[in-house]
N, C-alpha and C. Protein backbone atom coordinates (compact mmCIF):
# COMPACT_ATOMS: atom_id res chain seq x y z
N MET A 1 -16.68 3.98 -12.75
CA MET A 1 -15.68 2.93 -13.06
C MET A 1 -14.38 3.16 -12.25
N LEU A 2 -13.83 2.13 -11.76
CA LEU A 2 -12.53 2.15 -10.95
C LEU A 2 -11.36 1.81 -11.81
N THR A 3 -10.35 2.59 -11.80
CA THR A 3 -9.10 2.28 -12.36
C THR A 3 -7.93 2.59 -11.39
N VAL A 4 -6.93 1.67 -11.57
CA VAL A 4 -5.74 2.05 -10.74
C VAL A 4 -4.57 2.11 -11.68
N LYS A 5 -3.93 3.23 -11.45
CA LYS A 5 -2.78 3.54 -12.38
C LYS A 5 -1.55 4.04 -11.76
N LEU A 6 -0.44 3.85 -12.39
CA LEU A 6 0.88 4.32 -11.84
C LEU A 6 0.83 5.83 -11.87
N VAL A 7 1.18 6.39 -10.83
CA VAL A 7 1.36 7.88 -10.65
C VAL A 7 2.44 8.32 -11.61
N GLU A 8 2.13 9.38 -12.38
CA GLU A 8 2.91 9.75 -13.49
C GLU A 8 3.39 11.20 -13.39
N ASN A 9 2.79 11.96 -12.44
CA ASN A 9 3.15 13.48 -12.31
C ASN A 9 2.86 13.89 -10.87
N LYS A 10 3.44 15.04 -10.65
CA LYS A 10 3.40 15.60 -9.38
C LYS A 10 1.88 15.99 -8.79
N THR A 11 0.90 16.23 -9.65
CA THR A 11 -0.42 16.39 -9.37
C THR A 11 -1.00 14.96 -8.70
N GLU A 12 -0.70 14.03 -9.45
CA GLU A 12 -1.24 12.66 -9.02
C GLU A 12 -0.60 12.21 -7.73
N LEU A 13 0.70 12.45 -7.56
CA LEU A 13 1.44 12.24 -6.26
C LEU A 13 0.84 12.98 -5.17
N GLU A 14 0.58 14.23 -5.30
CA GLU A 14 -0.10 15.05 -4.31
C GLU A 14 -1.39 14.55 -3.95
N GLN A 15 -2.21 14.12 -4.88
CA GLN A 15 -3.46 13.43 -4.68
C GLN A 15 -3.33 12.18 -3.83
N ALA A 16 -2.28 11.36 -4.01
CA ALA A 16 -2.02 10.20 -3.24
C ALA A 16 -1.67 10.65 -1.86
N PHE A 17 -0.75 11.57 -1.70
CA PHE A 17 -0.44 12.07 -0.41
C PHE A 17 -1.63 12.49 0.48
N LYS A 18 -2.53 13.22 -0.25
CA LYS A 18 -3.84 13.73 0.31
C LYS A 18 -4.61 12.60 1.00
N ILE A 19 -4.72 11.47 0.20
CA ILE A 19 -5.47 10.38 0.64
C ILE A 19 -4.71 9.66 1.93
N ARG A 20 -3.40 9.54 1.78
CA ARG A 20 -2.72 9.08 2.96
C ARG A 20 -2.91 9.93 4.23
N ILE A 21 -2.87 11.27 3.94
CA ILE A 21 -3.06 12.14 5.15
C ILE A 21 -4.46 11.93 5.74
N GLU A 22 -5.51 11.90 4.88
CA GLU A 22 -6.81 11.59 5.39
C GLU A 22 -7.03 10.28 6.16
N VAL A 23 -6.44 9.12 5.57
CA VAL A 23 -6.57 7.89 6.21
C VAL A 23 -5.59 7.69 7.43
N PHE A 24 -4.37 7.96 7.24
CA PHE A 24 -3.47 7.58 8.26
C PHE A 24 -3.25 8.66 9.30
N VAL A 25 -3.35 10.00 8.94
CA VAL A 25 -3.03 11.01 9.93
C VAL A 25 -4.31 11.40 10.54
N ARG A 26 -5.39 11.80 9.81
CA ARG A 26 -6.66 12.20 10.38
C ARG A 26 -7.52 11.06 11.07
N GLU A 27 -7.65 9.94 10.25
CA GLU A 27 -8.37 8.82 10.85
C GLU A 27 -7.60 7.99 11.80
N GLN A 28 -6.48 7.68 11.62
CA GLN A 28 -5.65 6.78 12.54
C GLN A 28 -4.65 7.44 13.44
N ASN A 29 -4.64 8.69 13.27
CA ASN A 29 -3.61 9.55 14.21
C ASN A 29 -2.16 9.21 14.14
N VAL A 30 -1.76 8.81 12.85
CA VAL A 30 -0.38 8.77 12.69
C VAL A 30 0.18 10.07 12.53
N PRO A 31 1.29 10.37 13.08
CA PRO A 31 1.96 11.64 13.11
C PRO A 31 2.41 11.93 11.61
N GLU A 32 1.91 13.28 11.22
CA GLU A 32 2.23 13.53 9.64
C GLU A 32 3.65 13.51 9.46
N GLN A 33 4.59 13.80 10.42
CA GLN A 33 5.90 13.87 10.04
C GLN A 33 6.55 12.54 9.72
N ILE A 34 5.88 11.43 10.17
CA ILE A 34 6.50 10.11 9.69
C ILE A 34 5.69 9.46 8.67
N GLU A 35 4.51 10.03 8.28
CA GLU A 35 3.73 9.47 7.18
C GLU A 35 4.30 9.72 5.90
N ILE A 36 4.65 10.85 5.58
CA ILE A 36 5.48 11.23 4.26
C ILE A 36 7.01 11.03 4.59
N ASP A 37 7.62 10.10 3.89
CA ASP A 37 8.99 9.80 4.46
C ASP A 37 9.89 9.66 3.11
N GLU A 38 11.19 9.28 3.47
CA GLU A 38 12.20 9.38 2.46
C GLU A 38 11.98 8.29 1.50
N PHE A 39 11.23 7.21 1.64
CA PHE A 39 11.03 6.16 0.67
C PHE A 39 9.97 6.74 -0.44
N ASP A 40 9.29 7.72 -0.20
CA ASP A 40 8.44 8.26 -1.25
C ASP A 40 9.21 8.68 -2.46
N ASP A 41 10.43 9.11 -2.21
CA ASP A 41 11.31 9.58 -3.43
C ASP A 41 11.73 8.45 -4.28
N ILE A 42 11.80 7.24 -3.79
CA ILE A 42 12.29 6.04 -4.48
C ILE A 42 11.26 4.98 -4.87
N ALA A 43 10.07 5.26 -4.40
CA ALA A 43 8.88 4.28 -4.58
C ALA A 43 8.17 4.62 -5.94
N ASP A 44 7.56 3.52 -6.44
CA ASP A 44 6.61 3.66 -7.49
C ASP A 44 5.25 3.77 -6.71
N HIS A 45 4.47 4.79 -7.15
CA HIS A 45 3.17 5.03 -6.48
C HIS A 45 2.05 4.69 -7.42
N VAL A 46 0.96 4.17 -6.86
CA VAL A 46 -0.18 4.08 -7.67
C VAL A 46 -1.42 4.88 -7.04
N ILE A 47 -2.35 5.19 -7.91
CA ILE A 47 -3.51 6.03 -7.48
C ILE A 47 -4.85 5.26 -7.96
N ALA A 48 -5.78 5.07 -7.09
CA ALA A 48 -7.11 4.46 -7.55
C ALA A 48 -8.05 5.55 -7.93
N LEU A 49 -8.70 5.60 -9.01
CA LEU A 49 -9.64 6.60 -9.36
C LEU A 49 -11.08 5.94 -9.58
N ARG A 50 -11.99 6.51 -8.95
CA ARG A 50 -13.38 6.10 -9.13
C ARG A 50 -14.14 7.20 -10.03
N ASP A 51 -14.41 6.95 -11.21
CA ASP A 51 -14.88 7.98 -12.11
C ASP A 51 -14.04 9.21 -12.11
N GLY A 52 -12.75 9.08 -12.12
CA GLY A 52 -11.87 10.20 -12.21
C GLY A 52 -11.49 10.83 -10.97
N GLU A 53 -12.12 10.38 -9.76
CA GLU A 53 -11.90 11.02 -8.47
C GLU A 53 -10.85 10.14 -7.65
N PRO A 54 -9.87 10.57 -7.03
CA PRO A 54 -8.97 9.73 -6.31
C PRO A 54 -9.63 9.27 -4.99
N VAL A 55 -9.43 7.92 -4.89
CA VAL A 55 -10.08 7.25 -3.82
C VAL A 55 -9.12 6.24 -2.95
N GLY A 56 -7.93 5.98 -3.59
CA GLY A 56 -7.01 5.19 -2.85
C GLY A 56 -5.66 5.30 -3.36
N CYS A 57 -4.68 4.63 -2.81
CA CYS A 57 -3.43 4.75 -3.18
C CYS A 57 -2.55 3.66 -2.57
N GLY A 58 -1.27 3.51 -3.04
CA GLY A 58 -0.27 2.62 -2.48
C GLY A 58 1.11 2.98 -3.06
N ARG A 59 2.11 2.30 -2.57
CA ARG A 59 3.48 2.45 -3.04
C ARG A 59 4.18 1.08 -2.94
N VAL A 60 5.22 0.97 -3.75
CA VAL A 60 6.20 -0.22 -3.80
C VAL A 60 7.50 0.23 -4.01
N PHE A 61 8.60 -0.30 -3.28
CA PHE A 61 9.93 0.04 -3.63
C PHE A 61 10.73 -1.22 -3.23
N PHE A 62 11.99 -1.27 -3.54
CA PHE A 62 12.78 -2.38 -3.37
C PHE A 62 13.77 -2.15 -2.18
N GLU A 63 13.87 -3.03 -1.20
CA GLU A 63 14.58 -2.92 0.03
C GLU A 63 15.20 -4.30 0.34
N ASP A 64 16.46 -4.43 0.46
CA ASP A 64 17.17 -5.64 1.09
C ASP A 64 16.66 -6.85 0.32
N GLY A 65 16.59 -6.70 -0.96
CA GLY A 65 16.14 -7.95 -1.87
C GLY A 65 14.68 -8.12 -2.01
N TYR A 66 13.87 -7.43 -1.28
CA TYR A 66 12.45 -7.55 -1.40
C TYR A 66 11.77 -6.35 -2.02
N ALA A 67 10.51 -6.57 -2.62
CA ALA A 67 9.62 -5.49 -3.07
C ALA A 67 8.84 -5.14 -1.90
N ARG A 68 8.93 -4.02 -1.30
CA ARG A 68 8.10 -3.68 -0.06
C ARG A 68 6.97 -2.95 -0.51
N ILE A 69 5.73 -3.43 -0.18
CA ILE A 69 4.50 -2.79 -0.46
C ILE A 69 4.12 -1.91 0.91
N GLY A 70 3.61 -0.73 0.68
CA GLY A 70 3.25 -0.05 1.82
C GLY A 70 2.29 1.17 1.43
N ARG A 71 1.92 1.84 2.44
CA ARG A 71 1.03 2.98 2.48
C ARG A 71 -0.22 2.76 1.62
N VAL A 72 -0.79 1.66 1.75
CA VAL A 72 -2.00 1.22 1.06
C VAL A 72 -3.02 1.92 1.81
N ALA A 73 -3.82 2.83 1.16
CA ALA A 73 -4.94 3.56 1.83
C ALA A 73 -6.13 3.72 0.89
N VAL A 74 -7.23 3.52 1.54
CA VAL A 74 -8.52 3.69 0.68
C VAL A 74 -9.48 4.56 1.53
N LEU A 75 -10.01 5.60 0.97
CA LEU A 75 -11.00 6.46 1.68
C LEU A 75 -12.15 5.65 2.11
N PRO A 76 -12.75 5.96 3.32
CA PRO A 76 -13.80 5.25 3.92
C PRO A 76 -14.96 4.97 2.92
N LYS A 77 -15.39 5.88 2.11
CA LYS A 77 -16.56 5.59 1.24
C LYS A 77 -16.29 4.59 0.14
N GLU A 78 -14.97 4.32 0.12
CA GLU A 78 -14.78 3.35 -1.03
C GLU A 78 -14.25 1.96 -0.56
N ARG A 79 -14.29 1.75 0.69
CA ARG A 79 -13.94 0.45 1.43
C ARG A 79 -15.01 -0.50 1.14
N LYS A 80 -14.46 -1.86 1.01
CA LYS A 80 -15.36 -3.11 0.85
C LYS A 80 -15.88 -3.03 -0.50
N LYS A 81 -15.14 -2.36 -1.51
CA LYS A 81 -15.48 -2.59 -2.97
C LYS A 81 -14.54 -3.06 -3.79
N GLY A 82 -13.41 -3.67 -3.28
CA GLY A 82 -12.35 -4.28 -4.05
C GLY A 82 -11.28 -3.42 -4.41
N THR A 83 -11.22 -2.07 -3.94
CA THR A 83 -10.32 -1.12 -4.32
C THR A 83 -8.89 -1.45 -3.72
N GLY A 84 -8.91 -1.82 -2.51
CA GLY A 84 -7.50 -2.22 -1.87
C GLY A 84 -7.00 -3.33 -2.67
N LYS A 85 -7.73 -4.27 -3.06
CA LYS A 85 -7.11 -5.50 -3.73
C LYS A 85 -6.64 -5.08 -5.13
N LEU A 86 -7.28 -4.16 -5.84
CA LEU A 86 -6.77 -3.81 -7.08
C LEU A 86 -5.61 -2.92 -6.95
N ILE A 87 -5.60 -2.07 -5.91
CA ILE A 87 -4.29 -1.30 -5.66
C ILE A 87 -3.00 -2.28 -5.46
N CYS A 88 -3.29 -3.23 -4.51
CA CYS A 88 -2.17 -4.31 -4.29
C CYS A 88 -1.79 -5.09 -5.48
N GLU A 89 -2.76 -5.46 -6.36
CA GLU A 89 -2.59 -6.20 -7.54
C GLU A 89 -1.65 -5.38 -8.46
N LYS A 90 -1.94 -4.11 -8.60
CA LYS A 90 -1.17 -3.17 -9.50
C LYS A 90 0.15 -3.09 -9.07
N LEU A 91 0.32 -2.86 -7.67
CA LEU A 91 1.70 -2.69 -7.01
C LEU A 91 2.54 -3.97 -7.30
N ILE A 92 1.96 -5.20 -7.07
CA ILE A 92 2.67 -6.44 -7.28
C ILE A 92 2.93 -6.59 -8.87
N SER A 93 2.17 -6.27 -9.63
CA SER A 93 2.47 -6.21 -11.07
C SER A 93 3.65 -5.28 -11.44
N ILE A 94 3.73 -4.19 -10.94
CA ILE A 94 4.73 -3.23 -11.20
C ILE A 94 6.09 -3.86 -10.73
N ALA A 95 6.07 -4.34 -9.52
CA ALA A 95 7.23 -5.01 -8.86
C ALA A 95 7.78 -6.15 -9.60
N LYS A 96 6.75 -7.04 -10.07
CA LYS A 96 7.24 -8.23 -10.83
C LYS A 96 7.75 -7.77 -12.15
N ASP A 97 7.27 -6.78 -12.76
CA ASP A 97 7.79 -6.37 -13.99
C ASP A 97 9.21 -5.88 -13.94
N LYS A 98 9.60 -5.47 -12.68
CA LYS A 98 11.00 -5.07 -12.31
C LYS A 98 11.77 -6.18 -11.82
N GLY A 99 11.37 -7.38 -11.79
CA GLY A 99 12.06 -8.47 -11.33
C GLY A 99 11.80 -9.05 -10.00
N ALA A 100 10.87 -8.55 -9.25
CA ALA A 100 10.67 -8.84 -7.89
C ALA A 100 10.31 -10.40 -7.82
N ARG A 101 10.95 -10.96 -6.80
CA ARG A 101 10.61 -12.43 -6.60
C ARG A 101 10.09 -12.72 -5.16
N LYS A 102 10.40 -11.67 -4.36
CA LYS A 102 9.89 -11.74 -2.85
C LYS A 102 9.34 -10.43 -2.49
N PHE A 103 8.26 -10.50 -1.67
CA PHE A 103 7.44 -9.36 -1.28
C PHE A 103 7.39 -9.33 0.14
N VAL A 104 7.38 -8.12 0.85
CA VAL A 104 7.30 -7.97 2.17
C VAL A 104 6.37 -6.58 2.45
N LEU A 105 5.58 -6.72 3.52
CA LEU A 105 4.92 -5.51 4.03
C LEU A 105 4.69 -5.60 5.44
N ASP A 106 4.43 -4.36 6.16
CA ASP A 106 4.08 -4.48 7.47
C ASP A 106 2.62 -3.96 7.56
N ALA A 107 1.77 -4.91 7.88
CA ALA A 107 0.29 -4.79 7.92
C ALA A 107 -0.21 -4.36 9.34
N GLN A 108 -1.13 -3.51 9.34
CA GLN A 108 -1.85 -3.37 10.51
C GLN A 108 -2.53 -4.73 10.93
N VAL A 109 -2.54 -5.07 12.19
CA VAL A 109 -3.04 -6.47 12.46
C VAL A 109 -4.51 -6.60 12.10
N ARG A 110 -5.33 -5.54 12.08
CA ARG A 110 -6.73 -5.71 11.65
C ARG A 110 -6.76 -5.84 10.19
N ALA A 111 -5.84 -5.51 9.34
CA ALA A 111 -5.79 -5.77 8.00
C ALA A 111 -5.12 -7.07 7.52
N SER A 112 -4.48 -7.72 8.45
CA SER A 112 -3.67 -9.00 8.09
C SER A 112 -4.49 -9.97 7.21
N GLY A 113 -5.66 -10.17 7.58
CA GLY A 113 -6.61 -11.09 6.79
C GLY A 113 -6.77 -10.76 5.45
N PHE A 114 -6.83 -9.51 5.11
CA PHE A 114 -6.91 -8.87 3.77
C PHE A 114 -5.67 -9.34 2.85
N TYR A 115 -4.49 -9.22 3.62
CA TYR A 115 -3.30 -9.46 2.89
C TYR A 115 -3.05 -11.03 2.72
N GLU A 116 -3.55 -11.80 3.71
CA GLU A 116 -3.49 -13.24 3.65
C GLU A 116 -4.26 -13.77 2.42
N LYS A 117 -5.44 -13.11 2.08
CA LYS A 117 -6.27 -13.48 0.88
C LYS A 117 -5.49 -13.28 -0.37
N LEU A 118 -4.56 -12.36 -0.34
CA LEU A 118 -3.76 -12.08 -1.49
C LEU A 118 -2.52 -12.99 -1.69
N GLY A 119 -2.20 -13.70 -0.63
CA GLY A 119 -1.10 -14.64 -0.71
C GLY A 119 -0.02 -14.44 0.24
N PHE A 120 -0.11 -13.41 1.06
CA PHE A 120 0.93 -13.14 2.11
C PHE A 120 0.60 -13.99 3.36
N SER A 121 1.77 -14.20 4.11
CA SER A 121 1.80 -14.90 5.38
C SER A 121 2.51 -14.12 6.39
N VAL A 122 1.98 -14.20 7.68
CA VAL A 122 2.47 -13.56 8.81
C VAL A 122 3.95 -14.14 9.10
N THR A 123 4.89 -13.33 9.18
CA THR A 123 6.35 -13.90 9.43
C THR A 123 6.94 -13.21 10.86
N SER A 124 6.03 -12.59 11.61
CA SER A 124 6.55 -11.95 12.79
C SER A 124 5.43 -11.92 13.87
N GLY A 125 5.88 -11.64 15.11
CA GLY A 125 5.03 -11.22 16.09
C GLY A 125 4.36 -9.84 15.98
N VAL A 126 3.56 -9.49 16.80
CA VAL A 126 2.95 -8.19 16.84
C VAL A 126 4.06 -7.16 17.18
N PHE A 127 4.06 -6.01 16.54
CA PHE A 127 4.88 -4.96 16.95
C PHE A 127 4.10 -3.57 16.79
N ILE A 128 4.61 -2.59 17.53
CA ILE A 128 3.88 -1.33 17.42
C ILE A 128 4.70 -0.40 16.45
N GLU A 129 3.91 0.17 15.53
CA GLU A 129 4.49 1.15 14.60
C GLU A 129 3.44 2.44 14.46
N ALA A 130 3.92 3.53 14.87
CA ALA A 130 3.06 4.79 14.87
C ALA A 130 1.90 4.44 15.80
N GLY A 131 2.04 3.76 16.96
CA GLY A 131 0.94 3.54 17.92
C GLY A 131 0.04 2.56 17.43
N ILE A 132 0.21 1.80 16.38
CA ILE A 132 -0.81 0.86 15.87
C ILE A 132 -0.09 -0.56 15.78
N GLU A 133 -0.89 -1.50 16.25
CA GLU A 133 -0.34 -2.91 16.10
C GLU A 133 -0.07 -3.37 14.67
N HIS A 134 1.00 -3.93 14.29
CA HIS A 134 1.42 -4.40 13.00
C HIS A 134 1.99 -5.80 13.02
N VAL A 135 2.01 -6.50 12.04
CA VAL A 135 2.78 -7.73 11.71
C VAL A 135 3.52 -7.59 10.46
N ARG A 136 4.68 -8.24 10.40
CA ARG A 136 5.33 -8.33 9.02
C ARG A 136 4.76 -9.44 8.37
N MET A 137 4.60 -9.33 6.94
CA MET A 137 4.04 -10.37 6.19
C MET A 137 4.99 -10.52 4.93
N GLU A 138 5.08 -11.66 4.34
CA GLU A 138 5.96 -11.93 3.23
C GLU A 138 5.22 -12.84 2.31
N ALA A 139 5.60 -12.83 1.13
CA ALA A 139 5.10 -13.68 -0.06
C ALA A 139 6.21 -13.89 -1.07
N ASP A 140 6.15 -15.00 -1.65
CA ASP A 140 6.97 -15.33 -2.96
C ASP A 140 6.06 -14.78 -4.15
N ALA A 141 6.63 -14.34 -5.18
CA ALA A 141 5.93 -13.77 -6.39
C ALA A 141 5.06 -14.85 -6.81
N ASP A 142 5.49 -16.11 -6.89
CA ASP A 142 4.67 -17.22 -7.45
C ASP A 142 3.44 -17.50 -6.74
N ASN A 143 3.24 -17.03 -5.41
CA ASN A 143 2.10 -17.25 -4.62
C ASN A 143 1.17 -16.00 -4.74
N LEU A 144 1.48 -15.07 -5.50
CA LEU A 144 0.65 -13.72 -5.66
C LEU A 144 0.05 -13.76 -7.06
N ASN A 145 -1.06 -13.03 -7.11
CA ASN A 145 -1.75 -12.86 -8.44
C ASN A 145 -0.81 -12.08 -9.46
């Protein structure tokens, strides 16, 4: 069974960081020194658990009037099973509960279609972050699940 929950302790946060290191640093060659950043201290983090085992994560924090979703990562064996969607839905719910009306994220270009299905729209041209092509995407709370 798959569950997505708010990270509530240091152990769960370390599990989320381990997933991010696996996906972003090892798989996508993002430098580790920029993967774990200052926003981790202010963000709400979620972790996805499949039968109790960590398989995905994400975070959300407020910046410049927006709820910023980021660091959504799903382990390879768990992809194409709806895990990323559930992670994003949980992050959106957490931010809405805190009053979020606008959302923003920087999506890898290859993942932009995934976020469009959730209700996000591309609002920038392509830019490079950590050596990977990204686009900025935004959504109003009313357009999201």
